[in-house]
Protein backbone atom coordinates (compact mmCIF):
# COMPACT_ATOMS: atom_id res chain seq x y z
CA MET A 1 -39.80 -54.81 8.79
CA ALA A 2 -37.51 -51.81 9.14
CA THR A 3 -36.97 -49.59 6.19
CA ASN A 4 -34.05 -47.29 5.62
CA LYS A 5 -35.03 -43.72 4.89
CA VAL A 6 -32.86 -41.80 2.51
CA THR A 7 -32.81 -38.08 3.16
CA THR A 8 -31.73 -35.71 0.46
CA ARG A 9 -30.95 -32.05 0.63
CA PRO A 10 -33.17 -29.74 -1.37
CA ALA A 11 -31.69 -28.66 -4.67
CA PRO A 12 -30.01 -25.27 -4.38
CA GLY A 13 -31.79 -22.36 -5.98
CA ALA A 14 -30.46 -20.22 -8.78
CA ILE A 15 -29.07 -17.62 -6.34
CA GLU A 16 -27.22 -20.27 -4.34
CA ARG A 17 -25.74 -21.77 -7.51
CA LEU A 18 -24.59 -18.33 -8.59
CA TYR A 19 -22.94 -17.68 -5.24
CA ALA A 20 -21.33 -21.15 -5.21
CA ALA A 21 -19.80 -20.41 -8.62
CA PHE A 22 -17.77 -17.60 -7.06
CA ASP A 23 -16.29 -19.88 -4.41
CA ASP A 24 -13.76 -20.67 -7.13
CA PRO A 25 -10.88 -18.22 -6.48
CA ARG A 26 -10.41 -17.48 -10.17
CA ARG A 27 -14.05 -16.54 -10.65
CA ARG A 28 -14.06 -14.56 -7.42
CA TRP A 29 -11.07 -12.45 -8.45
CA ALA A 30 -12.60 -12.04 -11.92
CA LEU A 31 -15.68 -10.61 -10.20
CA TYR A 32 -13.50 -8.27 -8.19
CA ALA A 33 -11.73 -7.16 -11.41
CA VAL A 34 -15.07 -6.31 -13.01
CA ILE A 35 -16.11 -4.32 -9.92
CA ILE A 36 -12.81 -2.40 -9.96
CA ALA A 37 -13.28 -1.57 -13.64
CA LEU A 38 -16.78 -0.25 -12.94
CA LEU A 39 -15.47 1.82 -10.04
CA LEU A 40 -12.81 3.41 -12.24
CA LEU A 41 -15.37 4.41 -14.85
CA ALA A 42 -18.06 5.59 -12.41
CA PRO A 43 -17.22 9.31 -11.71
CA PRO A 44 -17.73 10.63 -15.25
CA VAL A 45 -20.99 8.68 -15.52
CA VAL A 46 -22.66 9.51 -12.20
CA GLY A 47 -21.55 13.14 -11.91
CA ARG A 48 -20.34 15.12 -8.89
CA TYR A 49 -23.22 14.29 -6.54
CA GLY A 50 -23.14 10.60 -7.44
CA THR A 51 -19.38 10.57 -6.89
CA VAL A 52 -19.85 11.90 -3.34
CA ILE A 53 -22.44 9.20 -2.60
CA LEU A 54 -20.23 6.45 -4.01
CA THR A 55 -17.30 7.77 -1.94
CA ASN A 56 -19.44 7.40 1.18
CA ALA A 57 -20.40 3.89 0.08
CA LEU A 58 -16.72 2.96 -0.33
CA LEU A 59 -16.01 4.33 3.15
CA TYR A 60 -18.70 2.03 4.53
CA VAL A 61 -17.18 -0.87 2.62
CA ILE A 62 -13.93 -0.32 4.54
CA LEU A 63 -15.75 0.01 7.87
CA ALA A 64 -17.97 -3.00 7.19
CA LEU A 65 -15.00 -5.18 6.29
CA GLY A 66 -13.37 -4.17 9.57
CA LEU A 67 -16.49 -4.92 11.60
CA ASN A 68 -16.87 -8.19 9.70
CA VAL A 69 -13.58 -9.33 11.23
CA VAL A 70 -15.05 -8.81 14.70
CA VAL A 71 -18.63 -9.96 14.06
CA GLY A 72 -18.42 -12.20 11.01
CA PHE A 73 -15.08 -13.94 11.55
CA ALA A 74 -14.79 -14.04 15.35
CA GLY A 75 -18.49 -13.88 16.26
CA LEU A 76 -18.12 -10.98 18.72
CA LEU A 77 -21.10 -8.61 18.68
CA ASP A 78 -19.94 -4.98 18.57
CA LEU A 79 -22.42 -2.09 18.82
CA GLY A 80 -19.80 0.62 19.29
CA TYR A 81 -17.68 0.27 16.17
CA ALA A 82 -17.99 3.98 15.38
CA ALA A 83 -15.61 4.57 18.32
CA PHE A 84 -12.65 3.18 16.33
CA PHE A 85 -13.73 5.28 13.37
CA ALA A 86 -13.71 8.32 15.66
CA VAL A 87 -10.30 7.50 17.14
CA GLY A 88 -8.69 7.51 13.69
CA ALA A 89 -10.40 10.72 12.60
CA TYR A 90 -9.70 12.67 15.79
CA THR A 91 -6.08 11.52 16.01
CA THR A 92 -5.40 12.85 12.53
CA GLY A 93 -7.43 16.02 13.12
CA ILE A 94 -5.72 16.87 16.39
CA LEU A 95 -2.18 16.15 15.18
CA THR A 96 -2.52 18.07 11.91
CA GLN A 97 -4.52 21.04 13.13
CA GLN A 98 -3.12 21.61 16.63
CA PHE A 99 0.40 20.18 16.44
CA GLY A 100 1.28 20.84 12.79
CA PHE A 101 1.95 17.22 11.84
CA ASN A 102 2.14 16.17 8.22
CA PHE A 103 -0.97 14.19 7.33
CA TRP A 104 0.92 11.06 6.32
CA LEU A 105 2.85 11.04 9.60
CA THR A 106 -0.41 10.93 11.55
CA ILE A 107 -1.44 7.58 10.09
CA PRO A 108 0.89 5.44 12.30
CA PHE A 109 -0.27 7.37 15.37
CA ALA A 110 -3.91 6.85 14.40
CA LEU A 111 -3.36 3.11 13.92
CA CYS A 112 -1.56 2.82 17.26
CA ALA A 113 -4.33 4.76 19.01
CA ALA A 114 -6.93 2.46 17.42
CA ALA A 115 -4.99 -0.63 18.46
CA ILE A 116 -4.87 0.65 22.05
CA ALA A 117 -8.61 1.29 21.87
CA GLY A 118 -9.06 -2.27 20.61
CA VAL A 119 -7.17 -3.61 23.62
CA ILE A 120 -9.20 -1.39 25.96
CA ILE A 121 -12.50 -2.70 24.64
CA GLY A 122 -11.22 -6.23 24.07
CA GLY A 123 -9.70 -6.73 27.52
CA PRO A 124 -12.85 -6.34 29.66
CA THR A 125 -15.01 -8.29 27.21
CA LEU A 126 -12.99 -11.48 26.97
CA ARG A 127 -15.33 -13.37 29.31
CA LEU A 128 -18.54 -11.81 28.01
CA ARG A 129 -20.91 -13.11 25.34
CA SER A 130 -24.12 -12.15 23.52
CA ASP A 131 -26.17 -9.44 25.28
CA TYR A 132 -23.51 -8.53 27.85
CA LEU A 133 -20.91 -8.09 25.12
CA ALA A 134 -23.30 -5.85 23.15
CA ILE A 135 -23.92 -3.64 26.20
CA VAL A 136 -20.21 -3.16 26.90
CA THR A 137 -19.35 -2.29 23.29
CA LEU A 138 -22.32 0.08 23.12
CA GLY A 139 -21.10 1.80 26.27
CA PHE A 140 -17.59 2.10 24.86
CA GLY A 141 -18.88 3.76 21.71
CA GLU A 142 -20.90 6.26 23.72
CA ILE A 143 -17.97 7.00 26.04
CA VAL A 144 -15.80 7.94 23.06
CA ARG A 145 -18.52 10.11 21.51
CA ILE A 146 -19.38 11.90 24.76
CA GLY A 147 -15.70 12.34 25.57
CA ALA A 148 -15.10 13.95 22.17
CA ARG A 149 -18.06 16.23 22.80
CA ASN A 150 -16.69 17.51 26.12
CA LEU A 151 -12.91 17.62 25.74
CA GLU A 152 -11.33 20.88 24.70
CA ILE A 153 -8.67 19.21 22.56
CA THR A 154 -11.35 17.64 20.37
CA GLY A 155 -13.21 20.91 19.87
CA GLN A 156 -16.06 19.85 22.14
CA ALA A 157 -19.52 19.83 20.52
CA SER A 158 -18.46 21.94 17.53
CA GLY A 159 -15.65 19.52 16.65
CA LEU A 160 -12.52 20.29 14.66
CA THR A 161 -12.50 22.43 11.53
CA GLY A 162 -9.83 23.48 9.09
CA ILE A 163 -8.11 20.09 8.95
CA PRO A 164 -5.50 20.54 6.17
CA SER A 165 -5.71 18.43 3.03
CA PRO A 166 -2.81 16.02 2.42
CA SER A 167 -0.44 16.50 -0.48
CA VAL A 168 1.64 14.15 -2.62
CA PHE A 169 4.75 15.48 -4.40
CA GLY A 170 3.43 19.01 -4.07
CA TYR A 171 -0.05 18.15 -5.36
CA THR A 172 -2.81 18.82 -2.83
CA LEU A 173 -5.45 16.10 -2.68
CA THR A 174 -8.77 17.91 -2.94
CA GLY A 175 -12.08 17.44 -4.71
CA PRO A 176 -14.68 14.68 -4.67
CA THR A 177 -13.20 12.75 -7.61
CA THR A 178 -9.74 12.61 -6.03
CA TYR A 179 -11.08 11.24 -2.75
CA TYR A 180 -13.36 8.87 -4.61
CA TYR A 181 -10.33 7.16 -6.14
CA ILE A 182 -8.50 7.26 -2.80
CA PHE A 183 -11.36 5.47 -1.06
CA ALA A 184 -11.68 3.05 -4.00
CA ALA A 185 -7.99 2.14 -3.60
CA LEU A 186 -8.41 1.78 0.17
CA ALA A 187 -11.47 -0.45 -0.34
CA VAL A 188 -9.51 -2.70 -2.70
CA LEU A 189 -6.67 -2.96 -0.18
CA ALA A 190 -9.19 -3.71 2.58
CA VAL A 191 -10.73 -6.53 0.51
CA ILE A 192 -7.30 -8.05 -0.14
CA ALA A 193 -6.37 -7.78 3.55
CA ALA A 194 -9.67 -9.30 4.69
CA GLN A 195 -9.33 -12.15 2.18
CA ARG A 196 -5.79 -12.90 3.35
CA LEU A 197 -6.85 -12.77 7.00
CA LEU A 198 -9.78 -15.13 6.40
CA HIS A 199 -7.55 -17.82 4.93
CA SER A 200 -4.72 -17.36 7.43
CA ARG A 201 -4.10 -19.39 10.57
CA LEU A 202 -5.51 -16.56 12.64
CA GLY A 203 -8.59 -16.40 10.43
CA ARG A 204 -9.28 -20.11 10.95
CA ALA A 205 -8.87 -19.60 14.69
CA TRP A 206 -11.46 -16.80 14.57
CA LEU A 207 -13.94 -19.11 12.85
CA TYR A 208 -13.37 -21.85 15.44
CA VAL A 209 -13.93 -19.36 18.27
CA ARG A 210 -17.04 -18.08 16.53
CA HIS A 211 -18.63 -21.53 16.32
CA ASP A 212 -17.61 -22.92 19.72
CA GLU A 213 -15.26 -21.13 22.12
CA ASP A 214 -14.93 -24.06 24.50
CA ALA A 215 -14.11 -26.55 21.75
CA ALA A 216 -11.63 -24.11 20.23
CA GLU A 217 -9.88 -23.68 23.58
CA ALA A 218 -9.77 -27.45 24.00
CA MET A 219 -8.01 -27.67 20.64
CA GLY A 220 -5.26 -25.38 21.92
CA ILE A 221 -6.45 -22.04 20.59
CA ASN A 222 -5.66 -19.16 22.94
CA ARG A 223 -9.10 -17.59 23.18
CA VAL A 224 -7.79 -14.40 24.81
CA ARG A 225 -5.25 -13.64 22.09
CA VAL A 226 -7.64 -14.52 19.29
CA LYS A 227 -10.37 -12.19 20.57
CA LEU A 228 -7.92 -9.36 21.18
CA ALA A 229 -6.51 -9.82 17.68
CA ALA A 230 -10.03 -9.54 16.24
CA TYR A 231 -10.74 -6.28 18.09
CA ILE A 232 -7.36 -4.79 17.19
CA THR A 233 -7.69 -5.76 13.52
CA GLY A 234 -11.21 -4.36 13.30
CA ALA A 235 -10.06 -1.18 15.04
CA VAL A 236 -7.27 -0.67 12.48
CA PHE A 237 -9.73 -0.93 9.59
CA GLY A 238 -12.01 1.61 11.29
CA ALA A 239 -9.13 3.99 12.03
CA ILE A 240 -7.97 3.99 8.41
CA GLY A 241 -11.47 4.95 7.33
CA GLY A 242 -11.55 7.69 9.97
CA VAL A 243 -8.17 9.14 8.93
CA PHE A 244 -9.20 9.69 5.33
CA PHE A 245 -12.72 10.70 6.32
CA ALA A 246 -11.23 13.60 8.28
CA ALA A 247 -8.95 14.55 5.39
CA ASN A 248 -11.82 14.44 2.91
CA LEU A 249 -14.24 16.65 4.84
CA GLY A 250 -11.66 18.89 6.52
CA ALA A 251 -13.92 18.99 9.57
CA ILE A 252 -15.23 16.42 12.06
CA SER A 253 -17.70 16.54 14.92
CA PRO A 254 -19.08 14.05 17.47
CA GLN A 255 -22.32 13.75 15.46
CA SER A 256 -20.36 11.92 12.75
CA PHE A 257 -19.60 9.04 15.12
CA SER A 258 -22.96 8.38 16.73
CA PHE A 259 -24.59 5.08 17.61
CA GLN A 260 -26.48 5.32 14.33
CA GLN A 261 -23.21 4.97 12.41
CA SER A 262 -22.37 1.80 14.32
CA VAL A 263 -25.81 0.42 13.52
CA LEU A 264 -25.46 1.21 9.82
CA VAL A 265 -22.12 -0.58 9.60
CA LEU A 266 -23.48 -3.56 11.53
CA MET A 267 -26.55 -3.57 9.28
CA ALA A 268 -24.28 -3.78 6.21
CA VAL A 269 -22.49 -6.82 7.68
CA ILE A 270 -25.67 -8.66 8.68
CA LEU A 271 -27.63 -7.74 5.56
CA GLY A 272 -24.85 -8.82 3.21
CA GLY A 273 -23.97 -12.00 5.08
CA MET A 274 -21.72 -12.27 8.11
CA GLY A 275 -18.31 -13.69 7.35
CA LYS A 276 -18.72 -13.46 3.57
CA ILE A 277 -16.57 -10.70 2.10
CA PRO A 278 -18.53 -10.19 -1.19
CA GLY A 279 -21.75 -10.13 0.83
CA VAL A 280 -20.42 -7.48 3.21
CA ILE A 281 -19.39 -5.30 0.25
CA LEU A 282 -22.85 -5.70 -1.26
CA GLY A 283 -24.47 -4.90 2.08
CA ALA A 284 -22.47 -1.68 2.44
CA PHE A 285 -23.55 -0.47 -1.00
CA ILE A 286 -27.20 -1.33 -0.30
CA VAL A 287 -27.23 0.51 3.03
CA ILE A 288 -25.77 3.70 1.50
CA LEU A 289 -27.21 3.67 -2.01
CA GLY A 290 -30.67 2.35 -1.11
CA PRO A 291 -32.04 5.57 0.46
CA GLU A 292 -30.46 7.65 -2.32
CA LEU A 293 -32.11 5.60 -5.07
CA LEU A 294 -35.46 6.13 -3.33
CA ARG A 295 -35.00 9.88 -2.90
CA ASP A 296 -37.59 10.66 -5.60
CA ILE A 297 -40.43 9.40 -3.41
CA GLY A 298 -39.73 12.09 -0.82
CA SER A 299 -40.36 11.67 2.88
CA LEU A 300 -41.50 8.07 2.49
CA ARG A 301 -38.14 6.86 1.24
CA LEU A 302 -36.84 5.72 4.63
CA LEU A 303 -40.08 3.88 5.34
CA VAL A 304 -39.96 2.12 1.97
CA PHE A 305 -36.28 1.31 2.47
CA ALA A 306 -37.02 -0.16 5.92
CA VAL A 307 -39.77 -2.35 4.41
CA ILE A 308 -37.32 -3.55 1.75
CA LEU A 309 -34.78 -4.42 4.43
CA LEU A 310 -37.41 -6.37 6.37
CA LEU A 311 -38.37 -8.31 3.25
CA ILE A 312 -34.74 -9.12 2.52
CA MET A 313 -34.22 -10.43 6.04
CA LEU A 314 -37.43 -12.47 5.89
CA PHE A 315 -36.51 -14.18 2.64
CA ARG A 316 -32.72 -14.22 3.21
CA PRO A 317 -32.33 -14.60 7.01
CA SER A 318 -28.63 -15.46 6.69
CA GLY A 319 -27.95 -12.43 4.50
CA ILE A 320 -28.00 -11.77 0.79
CA TRP A 321 -24.68 -13.55 0.24
CA PRO A 322 -24.21 -15.81 3.29
CA GLY A 323 -21.07 -17.74 4.04
CA ARG A 324 -21.12 -21.51 3.88
CA ARG A 325 -20.24 -21.62 7.57
CA SER A 326 -23.14 -19.36 8.61
């Protein structure tokens, strides 16, 4: 006599229930409002050094959200994302220092240069997947870094120095606190843009391509345009971060755009949860703040941090805050 087996899903844990609660848009935006309030109050509390570290964390939030479009939304592995970061920084540095451009006028040029770079890397990779795609993007990132190290216009290995600070209504934007709030505002805008993209028609097309390219193409999605749009969008996010990175430091060099930077941004996306915007933000803060919080243990801090990352990935293989589609 046949018996019907009833299968039930395991009850979600406390963490999953907490994450599911923020799938409600009202609760999600309430969470964002609390985060913004904490960011506004942070500089007086953490001091000058803490403000610099938090500024770097906010920069990585912007970069991680851009890479999340490529990796998390569209499912395209990119190991050379620092190249787009470099394009934005060097475009602003070259135009302001060597051609006397106003800082704000360099932003459209930096975005256009990044979009062109996105097309350059996106075009040859349209038919590639997995390991082959990773190799091509890695090569692209190294080409940009090595090119910046050898070209005279980029200052070669020593880079560019003396990049002028931007000004607004006669007020020069200088100091760690000023740039902290600038990067906080840019991070908020990046979150809003990423959220809008995710729920747009293009965002849904990215998710379809991520899960099954052939099925998506059969449904009428132009795979070529969708992939190119992902690379261009991610490149624009990276270029914006690079533009203000150059303005903040006043100097840039090829060492700032190494393969390690691409890995750190990718780590933030994977650790937080690919495709999940709150998870990516959390991942960026963990990647930057983790080693700093362990600084008191000295030379072992990176080893301890690596062990913590391994434990997180063992117990949360889909990321700390994974998307429901992961």
